[in-house]
Amino acid sequence: MKPVQLAMRGISLAILFTVLGWIAWTTTPVPLFIALGIGAALFSLRVGEAGQARYGRRVPVTEMLPLGRKGDRQMLFGGIAGYLMIACFALAAWWAFHG
């Protein structure tokens, strides 16, 4: 990735999370939890698809953690991101209806 593209993505993410952080600070953190859940889901999907090159198939989140414990760090981070996604969406739903 070119440095200009990397800088533009970093600036865009900083602006996005600044706005979401301000909304979370002033009103409700639900949009922030949803954005974090979507980001974790996209990262986990990318890792699962990258596993196709190493394992010959797309690796589901439930198999990423055992593969990570066997030494594949990318699968470990993908599995943690997959479960982080579930936690963020559950927390956003709980906060939206009970918070």
PDB file of N, CA and C in Angstrom:
ATOM      1  N   MET A   1       0.846  -1.168   0.000  1.00  0.00           N
ATOM      2  CA  MET A   1       0.000   0.000   0.000  1.00  0.00           C
ATOM      3  C   MET A   1       0.900   1.242   0.000  1.00  0.00           C
ATOM      4  N   LYS A   2       0.539   2.209  -0.798  1.00  0.00           N
ATOM      5  CA  LYS A   2       1.320   3.422  -0.915  1.00  0.00           C
ATOM      6  C   LYS A   2       1.169   4.274   0.348  1.00  0.00           C
ATOM      7  N   PRO A   3       2.189   5.061   0.674  1.00  0.00           N
ATOM      8  CA  PRO A   3       2.109   5.887   1.883  1.00  0.00           C
ATOM      9  C   PRO A   3       0.951   6.893   1.857  1.00  0.00           C
ATOM     10  N   VAL A   4       0.630   7.404   0.667  1.00  0.00           N
ATOM     11  CA  VAL A   4      -0.471   8.369   0.577  1.00  0.00           C
ATOM     12  C   VAL A   4      -1.802   7.679   0.891  1.00  0.00           C
ATOM     13  N   GLN A   5      -1.990   6.473   0.377  1.00  0.00           N
ATOM     14  CA  GLN A   5      -3.215   5.742   0.667  1.00  0.00           C
ATOM     15  C   GLN A   5      -3.312   5.406   2.152  1.00  0.00           C
ATOM     16  N   LEU A   6      -2.208   5.007   2.724  1.00  0.00           N
ATOM     17  CA  LEU A   6      -2.183   4.682   4.145  1.00  0.00           C
ATOM     18  C   LEU A   6      -2.510   5.915   4.986  1.00  0.00           C
ATOM     19  N   ALA A   7      -1.958   7.059   4.615  1.00  0.00           N
ATOM     20  CA  ALA A   7      -2.240   8.293   5.345  1.00  0.00           C
ATOM     21  C   ALA A   7      -3.707   8.685   5.212  1.00  0.00           C
ATOM     22  N   MET A   8      -4.269   8.561   4.022  1.00  0.00           N
ATOM     23  CA  MET A   8      -5.677   8.920   3.825  1.00  0.00           C
ATOM     24  C   MET A   8      -6.595   7.997   4.617  1.00  0.00           C
ATOM     25  N   ARG A   9      -6.281   6.699   4.663  1.00  0.00           N
ATOM     26  CA  ARG A   9      -7.089   5.779   5.454  1.00  0.00           C
ATOM     27  C   ARG A   9      -6.981   6.105   6.938  1.00  0.00           C
ATOM     28  N   GLY A  10      -5.779   6.440   7.384  1.00  0.00           N
ATOM     29  CA  GLY A  10      -5.594   6.796   8.789  1.00  0.00           C
ATOM     30  C   GLY A  10      -6.362   8.051   9.155  1.00  0.00           C
ATOM     31  N   ILE A  11      -6.313   9.064   8.290  1.00  0.00           N
ATOM     32  CA  ILE A  11      -7.055  10.301   8.544  1.00  0.00           C
ATOM     33  C   ILE A  11      -8.551  10.036   8.545  1.00  0.00           C
ATOM     34  N   SER A  12      -9.031   9.242   7.595  1.00  0.00           N
ATOM     35  CA  SER A  12     -10.459   8.927   7.530  1.00  0.00           C
ATOM     36  C   SER A  12     -10.929   8.188   8.782  1.00  0.00           C
ATOM     37  N   LEU A  13     -10.136   7.200   9.223  1.00  0.00           N
ATOM     38  CA  LEU A  13     -10.504   6.476  10.441  1.00  0.00           C
ATOM     39  C   LEU A  13     -10.460   7.373  11.666  1.00  0.00           C
ATOM     40  N   ALA A  14      -9.480   8.270  11.719  1.00  0.00           N
ATOM     41  CA  ALA A  14      -9.398   9.192  12.856  1.00  0.00           C
ATOM     42  C   ALA A  14     -10.619  10.103  12.906  1.00  0.00           C
ATOM     43  N   ILE A  15     -11.030  10.623  11.770  1.00  0.00           N
ATOM     44  CA  ILE A  15     -12.218  11.483  11.729  1.00  0.00           C
ATOM     45  C   ILE A  15     -13.468  10.692  12.115  1.00  0.00           C
ATOM     46  N   LEU A  16     -13.605   9.491  11.552  1.00  0.00           N
ATOM     47  CA  LEU A  16     -14.772   8.660  11.840  1.00  0.00           C
ATOM     48  C   LEU A  16     -14.879   8.350  13.329  1.00  0.00           C
ATOM     49  N   PHE A  17     -13.785   7.902  13.930  1.00  0.00           N
ATOM     50  CA  PHE A  17     -13.841   7.535  15.338  1.00  0.00           C
ATOM     51  C   PHE A  17     -13.871   8.746  16.261  1.00  0.00           C
ATOM     52  N   THR A  18     -13.406   9.905  15.796  1.00  0.00           N
ATOM     53  CA  THR A  18     -13.570  11.126  16.580  1.00  0.00           C
ATOM     54  C   THR A  18     -15.038  11.506  16.661  1.00  0.00           C
ATOM     55  N   VAL A  19     -15.722  11.444  15.539  1.00  0.00           N
ATOM     56  CA  VAL A  19     -17.160  11.748  15.530  1.00  0.00           C
ATOM     57  C   VAL A  19     -17.932  10.723  16.364  1.00  0.00           C
ATOM     58  N   LEU A  20     -17.627   9.441  16.173  1.00  0.00           N
ATOM     59  CA  LEU A  20     -18.321   8.410  16.950  1.00  0.00           C
ATOM     60  C   LEU A  20     -18.002   8.522  18.438  1.00  0.00           C
ATOM     61  N   GLY A  21     -16.762   8.859  18.763  1.00  0.00           N
ATOM     62  CA  GLY A  21     -16.399   9.053  20.166  1.00  0.00           C
ATOM     63  C   GLY A  21     -17.128  10.233  20.784  1.00  0.00           C
ATOM     64  N   TRP A  22     -17.283  11.314  20.013  1.00  0.00           N
ATOM     65  CA  TRP A  22     -18.025  12.471  20.515  1.00  0.00           C
ATOM     66  C   TRP A  22     -19.490  12.119  20.747  1.00  0.00           C
ATOM     67  N   ILE A  23     -20.088  11.378  19.818  1.00  0.00           N
ATOM     68  CA  ILE A  23     -21.476  10.933  20.002  1.00  0.00           C
ATOM     69  C   ILE A  23     -21.581  10.030  21.226  1.00  0.00           C
ATOM     70  N   ALA A  24     -20.610   9.134  21.391  1.00  0.00           N
ATOM     71  CA  ALA A  24     -20.630   8.233  22.543  1.00  0.00           C
ATOM     72  C   ALA A  24     -20.470   9.006  23.844  1.00  0.00           C
ATOM     73  N   TRP A  25     -19.640  10.035  23.840  1.00  0.00           N
ATOM     74  CA  TRP A  25     -19.401  10.802  25.058  1.00  0.00           C
ATOM     75  C   TRP A  25     -20.617  11.646  25.433  1.00  0.00           C
ATOM     76  N   THR A  26     -21.294  12.211  24.434  1.00  0.00           N
ATOM     77  CA  THR A  26     -22.387  13.142  24.725  1.00  0.00           C
ATOM     78  C   THR A  26     -23.742  12.463  24.842  1.00  0.00           C
ATOM     79  N   THR A  27     -23.990  11.404  24.096  1.00  0.00           N
ATOM     80  CA  THR A  27     -25.325  10.793  24.136  1.00  0.00           C
ATOM     81  C   THR A  27     -25.261   9.321  24.498  1.00  0.00           C
ATOM     82  N   THR A  28     -24.950   8.478  23.526  1.00  0.00           N
ATOM     83  CA  THR A  28     -24.963   7.033  23.751  1.00  0.00           C
ATOM     84  C   THR A  28     -23.794   6.374  23.023  1.00  0.00           C
ATOM     85  N   PRO A  29     -23.185   5.351  23.597  1.00  0.00           N
ATOM     86  CA  PRO A  29     -22.054   4.698  22.931  1.00  0.00           C
ATOM     87  C   PRO A  29     -22.448   3.636  21.910  1.00  0.00           C
ATOM     88  N   VAL A  30     -23.719   3.491  21.608  1.00  0.00           N
ATOM     89  CA  VAL A  30     -24.174   2.441  20.698  1.00  0.00           C
ATOM     90  C   VAL A  30     -23.524   2.547  19.313  1.00  0.00           C
ATOM     91  N   PRO A  31     -23.480   3.735  18.672  1.00  0.00           N
ATOM     92  CA  PRO A  31     -22.824   3.792  17.353  1.00  0.00           C
ATOM     93  C   PRO A  31     -21.348   3.405  17.396  1.00  0.00           C
ATOM     94  N   LEU A  32     -20.662   3.731  18.479  1.00  0.00           N
ATOM     95  CA  LEU A  32     -19.257   3.358  18.609  1.00  0.00           C
ATOM     96  C   LEU A  32     -19.105   1.846  18.715  1.00  0.00           C
ATOM     97  N   PHE A  33     -19.954   1.195  19.511  1.00  0.00           N
ATOM     98  CA  PHE A  33     -19.897  -0.255  19.626  1.00  0.00           C
ATOM     99  C   PHE A  33     -20.217  -0.930  18.295  1.00  0.00           C
ATOM    100  N   ILE A  34     -21.170  -0.389  17.557  1.00  0.00           N
ATOM    101  CA  ILE A  34     -21.527  -0.956  16.252  1.00  0.00           C
ATOM    102  C   ILE A  34     -20.359  -0.806  15.272  1.00  0.00           C
ATOM    103  N   ALA A  35     -19.722   0.372  15.265  1.00  0.00           N
ATOM    104  CA  ALA A  35     -18.580   0.586  14.365  1.00  0.00           C
ATOM    105  C   ALA A  35     -17.419  -0.355  14.721  1.00  0.00           C
ATOM    106  N   LEU A  36     -17.144  -0.523  16.008  1.00  0.00           N
ATOM    107  CA  LEU A  36     -16.087  -1.450  16.421  1.00  0.00           C
ATOM    108  C   LEU A  36     -16.440  -2.884  16.045  1.00  0.00           C
ATOM    109  N   GLY A  37     -17.706  -3.251  16.173  1.00  0.00           N
ATOM    110  CA  GLY A  37     -18.138  -4.595  15.785  1.00  0.00           C
ATOM    111  C   GLY A  37     -17.991  -4.834  14.294  1.00  0.00           C
ATOM    112  N   ILE A  38     -18.337  -3.839  13.491  1.00  0.00           N
ATOM    113  CA  ILE A  38     -18.193  -3.978  12.044  1.00  0.00           C
ATOM    114  C   ILE A  38     -16.724  -4.075  11.661  1.00  0.00           C
ATOM    115  N   GLY A  39     -15.879  -3.264  12.280  1.00  0.00           N
ATOM    116  CA  GLY A  39     -14.444  -3.333  12.006  1.00  0.00           C
ATOM    117  C   GLY A  39     -13.855  -4.685  12.375  1.00  0.00           C
ATOM    118  N   ALA A  40     -14.257  -5.216  13.526  1.00  0.00           N
ATOM    119  CA  ALA A  40     -13.773  -6.533  13.947  1.00  0.00           C
ATOM    120  C   ALA A  40     -14.266  -7.625  13.000  1.00  0.00           C
ATOM    121  N   ALA A  41     -15.513  -7.490  12.539  1.00  0.00           N
ATOM    122  CA  ALA A  41     -16.060  -8.478  11.609  1.00  0.00           C
ATOM    123  C   ALA A  41     -15.303  -8.467  10.285  1.00  0.00           C
ATOM    124  N   LEU A  42     -15.013  -7.275   9.776  1.00  0.00           N
ATOM    125  CA  LEU A  42     -14.280  -7.185   8.513  1.00  0.00           C
ATOM    126  C   LEU A  42     -12.868  -7.745   8.636  1.00  0.00           C
ATOM    127  N   PHE A  43     -12.215  -7.476   9.767  1.00  0.00           N
ATOM    128  CA  PHE A  43     -10.880  -8.024   9.977  1.00  0.00           C
ATOM    129  C   PHE A  43     -10.923  -9.550  10.072  1.00  0.00           C
ATOM    130  N   SER A  44     -11.903 -10.070  10.786  1.00  0.00           N
ATOM    131  CA  SER A  44     -12.023 -11.516  10.940  1.00  0.00           C
ATOM    132  C   SER A  44     -12.328 -12.195   9.605  1.00  0.00           C
ATOM    133  N   LEU A  45     -13.170 -11.565   8.788  1.00  0.00           N
ATOM    134  CA  LEU A  45     -13.457 -12.119   7.464  1.00  0.00           C
ATOM    135  C   LEU A  45     -12.213 -12.130   6.582  1.00  0.00           C
ATOM    136  N   ARG A  46     -11.432 -11.067   6.641  1.00  0.00           N
ATOM    137  CA  ARG A  46     -10.214 -11.002   5.836  1.00  0.00           C
ATOM    138  C   ARG A  46      -9.222 -12.081   6.250  1.00  0.00           C
ATOM    139  N   VAL A  47      -9.108 -12.308   7.545  1.00  0.00           N
ATOM    140  CA  VAL A  47      -8.201 -13.357   8.028  1.00  0.00           C
ATOM    141  C   VAL A  47      -8.711 -14.732   7.615  1.00  0.00           C
ATOM    142  N   GLY A  48     -10.027 -14.946   7.682  1.00  0.00           N
ATOM    143  CA  GLY A  48     -10.597 -16.226   7.275  1.00  0.00           C
ATOM    144  C   GLY A  48     -10.385 -16.512   5.806  1.00  0.00           C
ATOM    145  N   GLU A  49     -10.499 -15.482   4.976  1.00  0.00           N
ATOM    146  CA  GLU A  49     -10.253 -15.668   3.546  1.00  0.00           C
ATOM    147  C   GLU A  49      -8.769 -15.871   3.257  1.00  0.00           C
ATOM    148  N   ALA A  50      -7.910 -15.233   4.040  1.00  0.00           N
ATOM    149  CA  ALA A  50      -6.470 -15.443   3.860  1.00  0.00           C
ATOM    150  C   ALA A  50      -6.078 -16.860   4.269  1.00  0.00           C
ATOM    151  N   GLY A  51      -6.848 -17.459   5.137  1.00  0.00           N
ATOM    152  CA  GLY A  51      -6.592 -18.833   5.533  1.00  0.00           C
ATOM    153  C   GLY A  51      -6.816 -19.817   4.401  1.00  0.00           C
ATOM    154  N   GLN A  52      -7.522 -19.379   3.378  1.00  0.00           N
ATOM    155  CA  GLN A  52      -7.770 -20.250   2.227  1.00  0.00           C
ATOM    156  C   GLN A  52      -6.454 -20.591   1.520  1.00  0.00           C
ATOM    157  N   ALA A  53      -5.523 -19.664   1.500  1.00  0.00           N
ATOM    158  CA  ALA A  53      -4.230 -19.930   0.861  1.00  0.00           C
ATOM    159  C   ALA A  53      -3.409 -20.938   1.656  1.00  0.00           C
ATOM    160  N   ARG A  54      -3.538 -20.910   2.978  1.00  0.00           N
ATOM    161  CA  ARG A  54      -2.734 -21.809   3.813  1.00  0.00           C
ATOM    162  C   ARG A  54      -3.402 -23.143   4.074  1.00  0.00           C
ATOM    163  N   TYR A  55      -4.726 -23.142   4.226  1.00  0.00           N
ATOM    164  CA  TYR A  55      -5.424 -24.367   4.622  1.00  0.00           C
ATOM    165  C   TYR A  55      -6.340 -24.937   3.541  1.00  0.00           C
ATOM    166  N   GLY A  56      -6.464 -24.238   2.416  1.00  0.00           N
ATOM    167  CA  GLY A  56      -7.256 -24.755   1.310  1.00  0.00           C
ATOM    168  C   GLY A  56      -8.748 -24.506   1.435  1.00  0.00           C
ATOM    169  N   ARG A  57      -9.158 -23.757   2.445  1.00  0.00           N
ATOM    170  CA  ARG A  57     -10.584 -23.442   2.643  1.00  0.00           C
ATOM    171  C   ARG A  57     -10.676 -22.189   3.501  1.00  0.00           C
ATOM    172  N   ARG A  58     -11.849 -21.554   3.451  1.00  0.00           N
ATOM    173  CA  ARG A  58     -12.058 -20.417   4.339  1.00  0.00           C
ATOM    174  C   ARG A  58     -12.217 -20.939   5.758  1.00  0.00           C
ATOM    175  N   VAL A  59     -11.537 -20.323   6.672  1.00  0.00           N
ATOM    176  CA  VAL A  59     -11.516 -20.792   8.050  1.00  0.00           C
ATOM    177  C   VAL A  59     -12.571 -20.023   8.846  1.00  0.00           C
ATOM    178  N   PRO A  60     -13.533 -20.722   9.477  1.00  0.00           N
ATOM    179  CA  PRO A  60     -14.520 -20.018  10.302  1.00  0.00           C
ATOM    180  C   PRO A  60     -13.913 -19.560  11.630  1.00  0.00           C
ATOM    181  N   VAL A  61     -14.591 -18.639  12.274  1.00  0.00           N
ATOM    182  CA  VAL A  61     -14.095 -18.048  13.509  1.00  0.00           C
ATOM    183  C   VAL A  61     -13.917 -19.105  14.594  1.00  0.00           C
ATOM    184  N   THR A  62     -14.792 -20.083  14.630  1.00  0.00           N
ATOM    185  CA  THR A  62     -14.707 -21.101  15.678  1.00  0.00           C
ATOM    186  C   THR A  62     -13.461 -21.967  15.567  1.00  0.00           C
ATOM    187  N   GLU A  63     -12.858 -22.019  14.379  1.00  0.00           N
ATOM    188  CA  GLU A  63     -11.630 -22.796  14.201  1.00  0.00           C
ATOM    189  C   GLU A  63     -10.374 -21.933  14.262  1.00  0.00           C
ATOM    190  N   MET A  64     -10.541 -20.614  14.281  1.00  0.00           N
ATOM    191  CA  MET A  64      -9.372 -19.739  14.273  1.00  0.00           C
ATOM    192  C   MET A  64      -8.588 -19.803  15.578  1.00  0.00           C
ATOM    193  N   LEU A  65      -9.287 -19.840  16.699  1.00  0.00           N
ATOM    194  CA  LEU A  65      -8.574 -19.872  17.981  1.00  0.00           C
ATOM    195  C   LEU A  65      -7.757 -21.149  18.162  1.00  0.00           C
ATOM    196  N   PRO A  66      -8.294 -22.349  17.859  1.00  0.00           N
ATOM    197  CA  PRO A  66      -7.429 -23.535  17.960  1.00  0.00           C
ATOM    198  C   PRO A  66      -6.230 -23.486  17.016  1.00  0.00           C
ATOM    199  N   LEU A  67      -6.415 -22.946  15.813  1.00  0.00           N
ATOM    200  CA  LEU A  67      -5.275 -22.801  14.899  1.00  0.00           C
ATOM    201  C   LEU A  67      -4.281 -21.782  15.446  1.00  0.00           C
ATOM    202  N   GLY A  68      -4.797 -20.762  16.102  1.00  0.00           N
ATOM    203  CA  GLY A  68      -3.920 -19.771  16.706  1.00  0.00           C
ATOM    204  C   GLY A  68      -3.105 -20.340  17.847  1.00  0.00           C
ATOM    205  N   ARG A  69      -3.709 -21.246  18.614  1.00  0.00           N
ATOM    206  CA  ARG A  69      -2.977 -21.875  19.707  1.00  0.00           C
ATOM    207  C   ARG A  69      -1.884 -22.807  19.201  1.00  0.00           C
ATOM    208  N   LYS A  70      -2.012 -23.245  17.946  1.00  0.00           N
ATOM    209  CA  LYS A  70      -0.983 -24.112  17.355  1.00  0.00           C
ATOM    210  C   LYS A  70       0.165 -23.304  16.752  1.00  0.00           C
ATOM    211  N   GLY A  71       0.081 -21.974  16.822  1.00  0.00           N
ATOM    212  CA  GLY A  71       1.199 -21.153  16.370  1.00  0.00           C
ATOM    213  C   GLY A  71       0.888 -20.179  15.249  1.00  0.00           C
ATOM    214  N   ASP A  72      -0.303 -20.184  14.692  1.00  0.00           N
ATOM    215  CA  ASP A  72      -0.657 -19.265  13.611  1.00  0.00           C
ATOM    216  C   ASP A  72      -1.214 -17.979  14.230  1.00  0.00           C
ATOM    217  N   ARG A  73      -0.366 -16.971  14.347  1.00  0.00           N
ATOM    218  CA  ARG A  73      -0.756 -15.737  15.036  1.00  0.00           C
ATOM    219  C   ARG A  73      -1.874 -14.998  14.317  1.00  0.00           C
ATOM    220  N   GLN A  74      -1.869 -15.036  12.994  1.00  0.00           N
ATOM    221  CA  GLN A  74      -2.901 -14.338  12.237  1.00  0.00           C
ATOM    222  C   GLN A  74      -4.274 -14.945  12.535  1.00  0.00           C
ATOM    223  N   MET A  75      -4.341 -16.268  12.634  1.00  0.00           N
ATOM    224  CA  MET A  75      -5.603 -16.923  12.971  1.00  0.00           C
ATOM    225  C   MET A  75      -6.024 -16.603  14.405  1.00  0.00           C
ATOM    226  N   LEU A  76      -5.061 -16.481  15.293  1.00  0.00           N
ATOM    227  CA  LEU A  76      -5.374 -16.131  16.677  1.00  0.00           C
ATOM    228  C   LEU A  76      -6.013 -14.753  16.742  1.00  0.00           C
ATOM    229  N   PHE A  77      -5.422 -13.772  16.058  1.00  0.00           N
ATOM    230  CA  PHE A  77      -5.987 -12.425  16.054  1.00  0.00           C
ATOM    231  C   PHE A  77      -7.340 -12.394  15.344  1.00  0.00           C
ATOM    232  N   GLY A  78      -7.509 -13.186  14.287  1.00  0.00           N
ATOM    233  CA  GLY A  78      -8.794 -13.265  13.605  1.00  0.00           C
ATOM    234  C   GLY A  78      -9.869 -13.862  14.491  1.00  0.00           C
ATOM    235  N   GLY A  79      -9.523 -14.880  15.263  1.00  0.00           N
ATOM    236  CA  GLY A  79     -10.487 -15.481  16.183  1.00  0.00           C
ATOM    237  C   GLY A  79     -10.879 -14.534  17.299  1.00  0.00           C
ATOM    238  N   ILE A  80      -9.887 -13.817  17.840  1.00  0.00           N
ATOM    239  CA  ILE A  80     -10.192 -12.830  18.880  1.00  0.00           C
ATOM    240  C   ILE A  80     -11.076 -11.728  18.316  1.00  0.00           C
ATOM    241  N   ALA A  81     -10.804 -11.294  17.090  1.00  0.00           N
ATOM    242  CA  ALA A  81     -11.625 -10.258  16.451  1.00  0.00           C
ATOM    243  C   ALA A  81     -13.050 -10.755  16.218  1.00  0.00           C
ATOM    244  N   GLY A  82     -13.201 -12.025  15.863  1.00  0.00           N
ATOM    245  CA  GLY A  82     -14.539 -12.575  15.654  1.00  0.00           C
ATOM    246  C   GLY A  82     -15.361 -12.580  16.930  1.00  0.00           C
ATOM    247  N   TYR A  83     -14.734 -12.960  18.029  1.00  0.00           N
ATOM    248  CA  TYR A  83     -15.459 -12.939  19.294  1.00  0.00           C
ATOM    249  C   TYR A  83     -15.641 -11.522  19.830  1.00  0.00           C
ATOM    250  N   LEU A  84     -14.718 -10.610  19.503  1.00  0.00           N
ATOM    251  CA  LEU A  84     -14.885  -9.209  19.851  1.00  0.00           C
ATOM    252  C   LEU A  84     -16.085  -8.619  19.113  1.00  0.00           C
ATOM    253  N   MET A  85     -16.286  -9.041  17.871  1.00  0.00           N
ATOM    254  CA  MET A  85     -17.439  -8.591  17.102  1.00  0.00           C
ATOM    255  C   MET A  85     -18.732  -8.974  17.804  1.00  0.00           C
ATOM    256  N   ILE A  86     -18.824 -10.218  18.252  1.00  0.00           N
ATOM    257  CA  ILE A  86     -20.026 -10.675  18.949  1.00  0.00           C
ATOM    258  C   ILE A  86     -20.242  -9.862  20.215  1.00  0.00           C
ATOM    259  N   ALA A  87     -19.173  -9.622  20.964  1.00  0.00           N
ATOM    260  CA  ALA A  87     -19.281  -8.868  22.207  1.00  0.00           C
ATOM    261  C   ALA A  87     -19.711  -7.423  21.950  1.00  0.00           C
ATOM    262  N   CYS A  88     -19.167  -6.801  20.910  1.00  0.00           N
ATOM    263  CA  CYS A  88     -19.536  -5.413  20.602  1.00  0.00           C
ATOM    264  C   CYS A  88     -20.997  -5.303  20.192  1.00  0.00           C
ATOM    265  N   PHE A  89     -21.459  -6.227  19.349  1.00  0.00           N
ATOM    266  CA  PHE A  89     -22.859  -6.174  18.932  1.00  0.00           C
ATOM    267  C   PHE A  89     -23.792  -6.469  20.101  1.00  0.00           C
ATOM    268  N   ALA A  90     -23.422  -7.405  20.960  1.00  0.00           N
ATOM    269  CA  ALA A  90     -24.254  -7.702  22.128  1.00  0.00           C
ATOM    270  C   ALA A  90     -24.296  -6.511  23.080  1.00  0.00           C
ATOM    271  N   LEU A  91     -23.156  -5.879  23.286  1.00  0.00           N
ATOM    272  CA  LEU A  91     -23.110  -4.711  24.156  1.00  0.00           C
ATOM    273  C   LEU A  91     -23.902  -3.551  23.565  1.00  0.00           C
ATOM    274  N   ALA A  92     -23.822  -3.358  22.248  1.00  0.00           N
ATOM    275  CA  ALA A  92     -24.601  -2.292  21.604  1.00  0.00           C
ATOM    276  C   ALA A  92     -26.099  -2.565  21.734  1.00  0.00           C
ATOM    277  N   ALA A  93     -26.503  -3.812  21.553  1.00  0.00           N
ATOM    278  CA  ALA A  93     -27.927  -4.147  21.685  1.00  0.00           C
ATOM    279  C   ALA A  93     -28.392  -3.964  23.124  1.00  0.00           C
ATOM    280  N   TRP A  94     -27.580  -4.395  24.082  1.00  0.00           N
ATOM    281  CA  TRP A  94     -27.964  -4.241  25.480  1.00  0.00           C
ATOM    282  C   TRP A  94     -28.084  -2.769  25.844  1.00  0.00           C
ATOM    283  N   TRP A  95     -27.093  -1.962  25.416  1.00  0.00           N
ATOM    284  CA  TRP A  95     -27.113  -0.549  25.750  1.00  0.00           C
ATOM    285  C   TRP A  95     -28.272   0.172  25.079  1.00  0.00           C
ATOM    286  N   ALA A  96     -28.624  -0.263  23.861  1.00  0.00           N
ATOM    287  CA  ALA A  96     -29.723   0.397  23.139  1.00  0.00           C
ATOM    288  C   ALA A  96     -31.062   0.155  23.810  1.00  0.00           C
ATOM    289  N   PHE A  97     -31.253  -1.026  24.376  1.00  0.00           N
ATOM    290  CA  PHE A  97     -32.561  -1.353  24.947  1.00  0.00           C
ATOM    291  C   PHE A  97     -32.631  -1.212  26.456  1.00  0.00           C
ATOM    292  N   HIS A  98     -31.493  -1.183  27.146  1.00  0.00           N
ATOM    293  CA  HIS A  98     -31.514  -1.102  28.605  1.00  0.00           C
ATOM    294  C   HIS A  98     -30.746   0.080  29.157  1.00  0.00           C
ATOM    295  N   GLY A  99     -30.002   0.784  28.316  1.00  0.00           N
ATOM    296  CA  GLY A  99     -29.108   1.830  28.802  1.00  0.00           C
ATOM    297  C   GLY A  99     -29.715   3.154  28.964  1.00  0.00           C
TER     298      GLY A  99
END
